[in-house]
Protein backbone atom coordinates (compact mmCIF):
# COMPACT_ATOMS: atom_id res chain seq x y z
CA MET A 1 32.64 -16.13 0.27
CA MET A 2 34.10 -17.32 3.92
CA PRO A 3 31.78 -19.58 5.76
CA PHE A 4 32.12 -19.60 9.65
CA ALA A 5 30.48 -22.13 10.92
CA GLU A 6 29.85 -22.58 14.68
CA SER A 7 28.58 -25.48 16.86
CA SER A 8 25.13 -25.36 19.00
CA LYS A 9 22.78 -27.18 20.20
CA GLN A 10 20.49 -25.30 17.36
CA ASP A 11 23.52 -25.54 14.62
CA MET A 12 23.38 -22.05 13.31
CA SER A 13 26.02 -20.75 11.27
CA CYS A 14 26.48 -18.48 9.04
CA GLU A 15 29.28 -17.21 6.33
CA TYR A 16 29.71 -14.23 4.22
CA VAL A 17 28.26 -13.33 1.07
CA GLY A 18 29.99 -10.55 -0.96
CA ASN A 19 31.27 -7.48 1.13
CA THR A 20 28.43 -7.32 3.63
CA THR A 21 25.79 -9.69 3.31
CA THR A 22 25.14 -12.55 5.32
CA ILE A 23 23.17 -15.10 5.86
CA CYS A 24 22.41 -17.18 8.98
CA ARG A 25 20.69 -21.00 8.39
CA ASN A 26 18.81 -23.11 10.73
CA ALA A 27 18.75 -20.52 13.37
CA VAL A 28 16.29 -19.89 16.02
CA SER A 29 16.20 -16.84 18.41
CA SER A 30 18.09 -17.70 21.40
CA ASP A 31 21.21 -18.31 18.38
CA PHE A 32 21.77 -14.94 17.57
CA ARG A 33 22.48 -13.63 20.95
CA THR A 34 25.22 -15.90 22.02
CA SER A 35 26.59 -16.13 18.88
CA LYS A 36 30.62 -16.22 17.87
CA HIS A 37 30.00 -14.80 14.31
CA LEU A 38 30.92 -11.15 14.31
CA PHE A 39 28.76 -9.44 12.10
CA ASN A 40 30.41 -6.30 11.13
CA ARG A 41 29.71 -5.52 8.30
CA ILE A 42 29.24 -1.24 8.08
CA TYR A 43 25.87 -0.58 6.41
CA GLY A 44 25.50 -4.99 5.66
CA THR A 45 22.61 -7.09 5.40
CA VAL A 46 21.49 -9.87 7.24
CA ARG A 47 19.58 -12.69 5.88
CA CYS A 48 18.07 -15.63 8.18
CA ILE A 49 17.36 -19.18 5.75
CA ASP A 50 15.38 -21.91 7.15
CA CYS A 51 15.49 -20.54 10.31
CA ASN A 52 12.38 -21.16 13.23
CA LEU A 53 12.70 -18.29 15.19
CA THR A 54 8.96 -18.90 16.49
CA VAL A 55 8.93 -15.94 19.41
CA LEU A 56 11.06 -12.75 19.15
CA GLU A 57 12.00 -11.82 22.47
CA ALA A 58 13.41 -8.78 23.79
CA ASN A 59 16.91 -8.40 22.90
CA SER A 60 17.03 -11.16 20.42
CA PHE A 61 20.02 -9.20 18.24
CA ASN A 62 21.68 -7.68 20.14
CA ASN A 63 24.51 -8.93 19.50
CA LEU A 64 24.47 -8.42 15.49
CA GLY A 65 25.48 -4.61 17.77
CA GLY A 66 25.06 -1.24 15.41
CA TYR A 67 26.71 -1.88 11.37
CA ILE A 68 23.45 -3.69 9.65
CA SER A 69 21.17 -1.76 7.29
CA VAL A 70 18.78 -4.73 5.74
CA LEU A 71 17.78 -7.79 8.91
CA ASP A 72 15.85 -10.15 6.29
CA LEU A 73 13.77 -12.42 7.98
CA THR A 74 11.13 -13.55 5.51
CA SER A 75 10.21 -17.83 6.41
CA SER A 76 11.53 -17.83 9.32
CA HIS A 77 8.40 -19.49 10.91
CA ILE A 78 8.37 -16.06 13.24
CA GLU A 79 4.86 -16.13 15.06
CA ILE A 80 5.20 -13.39 18.47
CA LEU A 81 7.33 -10.47 18.17
CA GLU A 82 7.87 -9.26 22.04
CA LYS A 83 8.90 -5.74 23.43
CA GLU A 84 11.92 -4.58 21.73
CA ALA A 85 12.54 -7.46 20.25
CA PHE A 86 15.14 -5.99 17.57
CA ALA A 87 16.84 -3.03 20.22
CA GLY A 88 19.70 -2.46 19.54
CA LEU A 89 19.58 -2.09 15.85
CA THR A 90 20.47 1.22 15.62
CA THR A 91 21.62 1.96 12.19
CA LEU A 92 18.61 -0.41 10.86
CA ARG A 93 16.78 1.07 7.45
CA GLU A 94 14.85 -2.21 6.13
CA LEU A 95 13.31 -5.12 8.55
CA LYS A 96 11.88 -7.84 6.37
CA LEU A 97 8.98 -9.71 8.60
CA GLN A 98 7.36 -11.15 4.72
CA ASN A 99 5.95 -14.83 5.04
CA ASN A 100 5.45 -15.80 8.58
CA THR A 101 2.71 -15.98 10.34
CA ILE A 102 2.98 -12.94 13.05
CA ASN A 103 -0.24 -12.67 14.52
CA ASN A 104 0.67 -10.55 18.15
CA ILE A 105 2.99 -7.54 17.87
CA GLU A 106 3.58 -6.10 21.59
CA ASN A 107 3.51 -2.64 21.55
CA GLY A 108 7.40 -1.60 22.11
CA SER A 109 8.12 -4.82 18.91
CA PHE A 110 9.77 -1.59 16.99
CA ALA A 111 11.56 -0.21 19.61
CA SER A 112 14.73 1.87 18.75
CA LEU A 113 14.01 0.67 15.20
CA ASP A 114 14.83 5.36 15.37
CA SER A 115 16.96 5.03 11.25
CA LEU A 116 14.62 2.39 9.90
CA TRP A 117 12.84 3.41 7.29
CA LYS A 118 10.56 0.78 5.59
CA LEU A 119 9.19 -2.27 7.40
CA ASP A 120 7.37 -5.20 5.21
CA LEU A 121 4.77 -7.58 7.51
CA SER A 122 2.91 -8.84 3.96
CA ASN A 123 1.50 -12.23 4.78
CA ASN A 124 1.14 -12.77 8.18
CA LYS A 125 -1.56 -13.06 10.09
CA ILE A 126 -1.67 -9.94 11.78
CA GLU A 127 -5.20 -8.18 13.49
CA VAL A 128 -4.94 -5.30 15.06
CA LEU A 129 -3.48 -2.48 14.55
CA PHE A 130 -3.56 -0.10 17.10
CA GLY A 131 0.12 0.99 18.45
CA ILE A 132 2.11 -1.27 16.94
CA LEU A 133 4.11 1.53 14.78
CA ASN A 134 3.97 4.29 17.74
CA GLU A 135 8.04 4.00 17.26
CA LEU A 136 9.68 4.24 14.08
CA PRO A 137 10.58 7.90 14.01
CA GLU A 138 11.48 7.49 10.06
CA ILE A 139 9.67 4.89 8.98
CA SER A 140 8.53 5.19 4.74
CA SER A 141 7.46 2.57 3.74
CA ILE A 142 5.05 -0.13 5.53
CA ASN A 143 3.62 -3.11 3.67
CA LEU A 144 0.51 -4.69 5.53
CA ALA A 145 -0.78 -6.60 2.34
CA HIS A 146 -2.27 -10.17 3.02
CA ASN A 147 -3.02 -10.30 6.42
CA LYS A 148 -6.35 -10.14 8.52
CA ILE A 149 -6.87 -5.95 9.29
CA SER A 150 -10.31 -5.27 9.96
CA GLU A 151 -10.34 -1.83 10.94
CA ILE A 152 -7.93 1.25 9.91
CA ALA A 153 -6.94 1.38 13.65
CA LEU A 154 -3.31 2.72 14.12
CA ILE A 155 -2.64 4.92 11.47
CA GLY A 156 -3.04 8.16 12.41
CA ASN A 157 -0.35 8.55 14.58
CA PRO A 158 1.86 11.34 15.51
CA GLY A 159 4.78 9.03 15.09
CA LEU A 160 4.13 8.04 11.74
CA GLN A 161 4.84 11.61 10.11
CA THR A 162 7.51 10.27 7.98
CA LEU A 163 5.84 8.30 6.60
CA GLN A 164 4.69 8.58 2.49
CA SER A 165 3.56 4.85 1.13
CA ILE A 166 1.49 1.71 2.67
CA ASP A 167 -0.69 -0.78 1.50
CA LEU A 168 -2.97 -2.52 3.51
CA SER A 169 -3.94 -4.59 0.45
CA ASN A 170 -5.88 -7.80 0.34
CA ASN A 171 -6.75 -7.46 4.63
CA ARG A 172 -9.89 -7.74 5.61
CA ILE A 173 -11.35 -3.56 5.25
CA LYS A 174 -14.75 -3.39 4.92
CA VAL A 175 -15.97 -0.11 6.17
CA VAL A 176 -12.39 3.06 5.85
CA LYS A 177 -14.04 5.64 8.62
CA ARG A 178 -14.38 9.50 8.55
CA LYS A 179 -10.20 10.50 9.08
CA SER A 180 -9.18 6.36 9.45
CA PHE A 181 -5.87 8.48 7.90
CA ARG A 182 -4.84 10.93 10.18
CA ASN A 183 -2.09 12.50 11.57
CA LEU A 184 -0.08 11.37 8.30
CA PRO A 185 1.19 14.69 6.26
CA SER A 186 3.94 12.62 3.57
CA LEU A 187 1.80 10.14 2.92
CA GLU A 188 1.88 10.09 -1.06
CA ILE A 189 0.38 6.70 -1.49
CA ILE A 190 -2.16 4.20 -0.41
CA ASN A 191 -3.34 0.79 -1.53
CA LEU A 192 -6.64 -1.30 -0.24
CA SER A 193 -7.03 -3.24 -3.27
CA ASN A 194 -8.60 -6.72 -2.97
CA ASN A 195 -10.18 -5.22 0.62
CA PRO A 196 -13.97 -6.63 1.07
CA ILE A 197 -14.65 -2.13 1.22
CA ALA A 198 -18.08 -1.16 0.54
CA THR A 199 -18.65 1.77 2.51
CA LEU A 200 -16.88 5.23 2.33
CA GLN A 201 -17.31 7.26 4.92
CA SER A 202 -17.03 11.39 4.25
CA ARG A 203 -13.71 12.16 4.91
CA ALA A 204 -12.19 8.57 5.21
CA PHE A 205 -9.52 10.79 3.83
CA LYS A 206 -9.28 13.85 5.50
CA GLY A 207 -5.61 15.65 6.07
CA LEU A 208 -3.66 13.24 3.37
CA SER A 209 -2.59 16.81 1.85
CA SER A 210 0.08 15.02 0.32
CA LEU A 211 -1.30 12.15 -1.36
CA LYS A 212 -0.48 10.97 -4.79
CA THR A 213 -2.43 7.89 -5.59
CA LEU A 214 -4.98 5.69 -3.85
CA ASN A 215 -5.20 2.58 -5.45
CA LEU A 216 -9.23 1.04 -4.33
CA SER A 217 -9.41 -1.32 -6.87
CA SER A 218 -11.12 -4.82 -6.86
CA CYS A 219 -13.24 -3.64 -3.74
CA SER A 220 -16.86 -4.29 -3.07
CA ILE A 221 -17.87 0.18 -3.64
CA SER A 222 -20.91 1.38 -5.31
CA ASP A 223 -20.66 4.34 -4.91
CA VAL A 224 -18.31 7.70 -4.24
CA GLN A 225 -20.18 9.80 -2.20
CA SER A 226 -19.19 13.46 -2.12
CA GLY A 227 -17.00 14.62 0.07
CA VAL A 228 -14.86 11.28 0.45
CA LEU A 229 -11.88 12.67 -1.28
CA THR A 230 -12.42 16.61 0.27
CA THR A 231 -8.33 18.16 0.19
CA LEU A 232 -6.79 15.38 -1.26
CA PHE A 233 -6.20 18.57 -3.02
CA TYR A 234 -2.44 17.06 -5.05
CA LEU A 235 -3.98 13.60 -5.33
CA SER A 236 -3.41 12.75 -8.97
CA ASN A 237 -4.19 8.73 -9.62
CA LEU A 238 -7.62 7.01 -8.86
CA ASP A 239 -8.32 3.59 -9.39
CA LEU A 240 -11.72 2.22 -8.79
CA SER A 241 -11.70 -0.70 -10.74
CA GLY A 242 -12.94 -3.69 -10.10
CA ASN A 243 -15.80 -2.55 -8.16
CA LYS A 244 -19.22 -2.81 -7.88
CA ILE A 245 -20.35 1.18 -10.16
CA THR A 246 -23.56 1.98 -11.77
CA THR A 247 -23.34 5.94 -12.09
CA PHE A 248 -20.19 7.82 -12.77
CA THR A 249 -20.84 10.93 -11.33
CA THR A 250 -18.63 13.90 -11.96
CA GLY A 251 -19.02 15.64 -8.32
CA SER A 252 -17.87 12.65 -6.79
CA PHE A 253 -14.05 13.49 -8.55
CA SER A 254 -14.36 17.36 -8.58
CA GLY A 255 -12.89 19.16 -5.83
CA LEU A 256 -9.52 17.01 -7.23
CA PRO A 257 -7.47 19.57 -9.14
CA GLU A 258 -4.46 17.01 -9.81
CA LEU A 259 -6.63 14.01 -10.89
CA LYS A 260 -4.75 13.05 -13.66
CA THR A 261 -6.15 9.09 -14.24
CA LEU A 262 -8.85 7.99 -13.75
CA ASP A 263 -10.19 3.95 -13.64
CA LEU A 264 -13.39 2.83 -13.43
CA SER A 265 -12.63 -0.46 -15.17
CA HIS A 266 -14.89 -3.41 -14.74
CA ASN A 267 -17.67 -1.86 -13.11
CA LYS A 268 -21.36 -2.35 -13.89
CA ILE A 269 -20.95 1.83 -15.27
CA ASN A 270 -23.96 2.50 -17.16
CA THR A 271 -24.66 5.79 -17.07
CA LEU A 272 -22.53 9.50 -16.52
CA LYS A 273 -24.50 11.22 -14.38
CA LYS A 274 -22.89 15.35 -14.15
CA THR A 275 -23.02 17.05 -10.10
CA GLY A 276 -21.55 19.56 -9.16
CA VAL A 277 -20.59 22.31 -11.24
CA LEU A 278 -16.81 21.67 -10.81
CA SER A 279 -14.72 20.31 -13.75
CA LEU A 280 -11.85 18.19 -13.99
CA PRO A 281 -9.07 20.56 -14.96
CA ASN A 282 -6.09 17.70 -14.57
CA LEU A 283 -8.40 14.59 -16.07
CA TYR A 284 -6.54 13.79 -18.76
CA SER A 285 -7.00 9.47 -18.99
CA ILE A 286 -9.74 7.56 -17.63
CA ASN A 287 -10.53 3.94 -18.29
CA LEU A 288 -14.70 2.69 -19.04
CA SER A 289 -13.53 -0.54 -20.09
CA HIS A 290 -16.09 -3.65 -19.29
CA ASN A 291 -18.48 -1.58 -17.80
CA ASN A 292 -22.75 -1.52 -19.35
CA LEU A 293 -22.23 1.81 -20.86
CA ARG A 294 -25.17 1.54 -24.10
CA ASP A 295 -24.71 5.11 -24.68
CA LEU A 296 -22.13 7.68 -24.18
CA ASP A 297 -22.39 11.58 -23.38
CA TYR A 298 -19.59 12.56 -24.84
CA GLU A 299 -19.79 16.24 -25.25
CA LEU A 300 -20.86 16.38 -21.13
CA LEU A 301 -17.83 14.19 -21.18
CA VAL A 302 -15.12 17.41 -22.56
CA GLU A 303 -17.14 19.48 -20.72
CA ILE A 304 -16.35 18.15 -17.15
CA VAL A 305 -13.01 17.38 -18.93
CA PRO A 306 -11.80 19.88 -21.29
CA ARG A 307 -8.43 17.58 -21.27
CA LEU A 308 -8.99 14.60 -21.87
CA ALA A 309 -6.34 12.71 -23.67
CA SER A 310 -7.26 9.16 -23.80
CA LEU A 311 -10.55 7.85 -23.07
CA ASP A 312 -11.02 3.30 -23.03
CA VAL A 313 -14.39 2.19 -23.22
CA SER A 314 -13.40 -1.26 -25.42
CA GLU A 315 -15.43 -4.03 -23.98
CA ASN A 316 -19.05 -2.05 -23.11
CA PRO A 317 -22.61 -2.58 -25.12
CA LEU A 318 -21.57 0.58 -27.67
CA SER A 319 -23.44 0.59 -30.94
CA CYS A 320 -20.85 1.39 -33.71
CA SER A 321 -23.60 3.53 -34.89
CA THR A 322 -22.52 5.64 -31.33
CA LEU A 323 -18.57 4.77 -31.55
CA ASP A 324 -18.88 6.19 -35.49
CA LYS A 325 -20.48 9.02 -33.71
CA ILE A 326 -17.69 9.50 -30.79
CA LYS A 327 -14.99 9.14 -33.71
CA GLU A 328 -16.64 11.76 -35.48
CA TYR A 329 -16.91 13.81 -33.06
CA PHE A 330 -13.47 14.23 -31.62
CA LYS A 331 -11.90 13.59 -35.72
CA ASN A 332 -9.61 16.47 -35.50
CA ASP A 333 -7.99 16.49 -31.87
CA ASN A 334 -5.51 13.86 -31.03
CA LEU A 335 -7.88 11.80 -28.20
CA LEU A 336 -6.48 8.05 -28.18
CA ILE A 337 -9.80 6.34 -27.92
CA ILE A 338 -9.81 2.93 -26.53
CA THR A 339 -12.66 0.31 -28.69
CA ASN A 340 -12.51 -3.49 -29.70
CA SER A 341 -11.80 -2.93 -33.20
């Protein structure tokens, strides 16, 4: 450790830790503009501890120069991001702003972050998304979990062509509207879990040609209507656990040629209903545990899911005779059947 302490009215001190990390303590945002500390560790990390930054004004970090790749401002009491707050950080790859109280992000706050690929804004008080992510041409991952967002209205921004993952879990979203995620050709992972989502409008996810994982667990969804998942040709993992679905309607999931795992556990499913004519050709794992199934048309299930390899029906009120019939039917197949016993 090589300490570098400086005298200022805010008593900020910075020290080198290892070869690439600088830790700064007890800073306010103006300290970084006037600091005499040399933030010259190429591709290094600057981490703020016990800081009270409150308002990040324009050019707050201009003195850091074009050297750092990670700026960690976790738990720094930030409330407001003003326009061009991060100007000058041209080599920054990762920005950590989680566990603050950010509620106001001005348009242009992230201007000049042309190399940023990971942004963590989780555990803040953000309510509105529109316009705040306009200038991140290389962004790959955005974490907005545990905020106060009630509507998805940003996200189809032409400037987010490289976005691969977005976490919107634990927010206040009630409706996923038609084409909510438009213009995101590289998006592979969406996490919408733990939102009070009751409605998925038709074509809500239209245009997500690269989407592989969709997490809609622990919401308030009672039905997935035909058309909601249209055009998700590469979707392989779908999690709908912890919702209020009462009928496993097969047509809701048809037209998903790459779907491999489907989690419908912890719902209220009591019926398997075949709708439509298409099968689920690559689906191999279905979790139906913790539902209200008293009977299961397993022959119909195999017809629809010809490559089924794992079936979890544990914690359902299925009779012993029904379970015995299922096991007997599949006794010569390498199918994993998970039951209570």
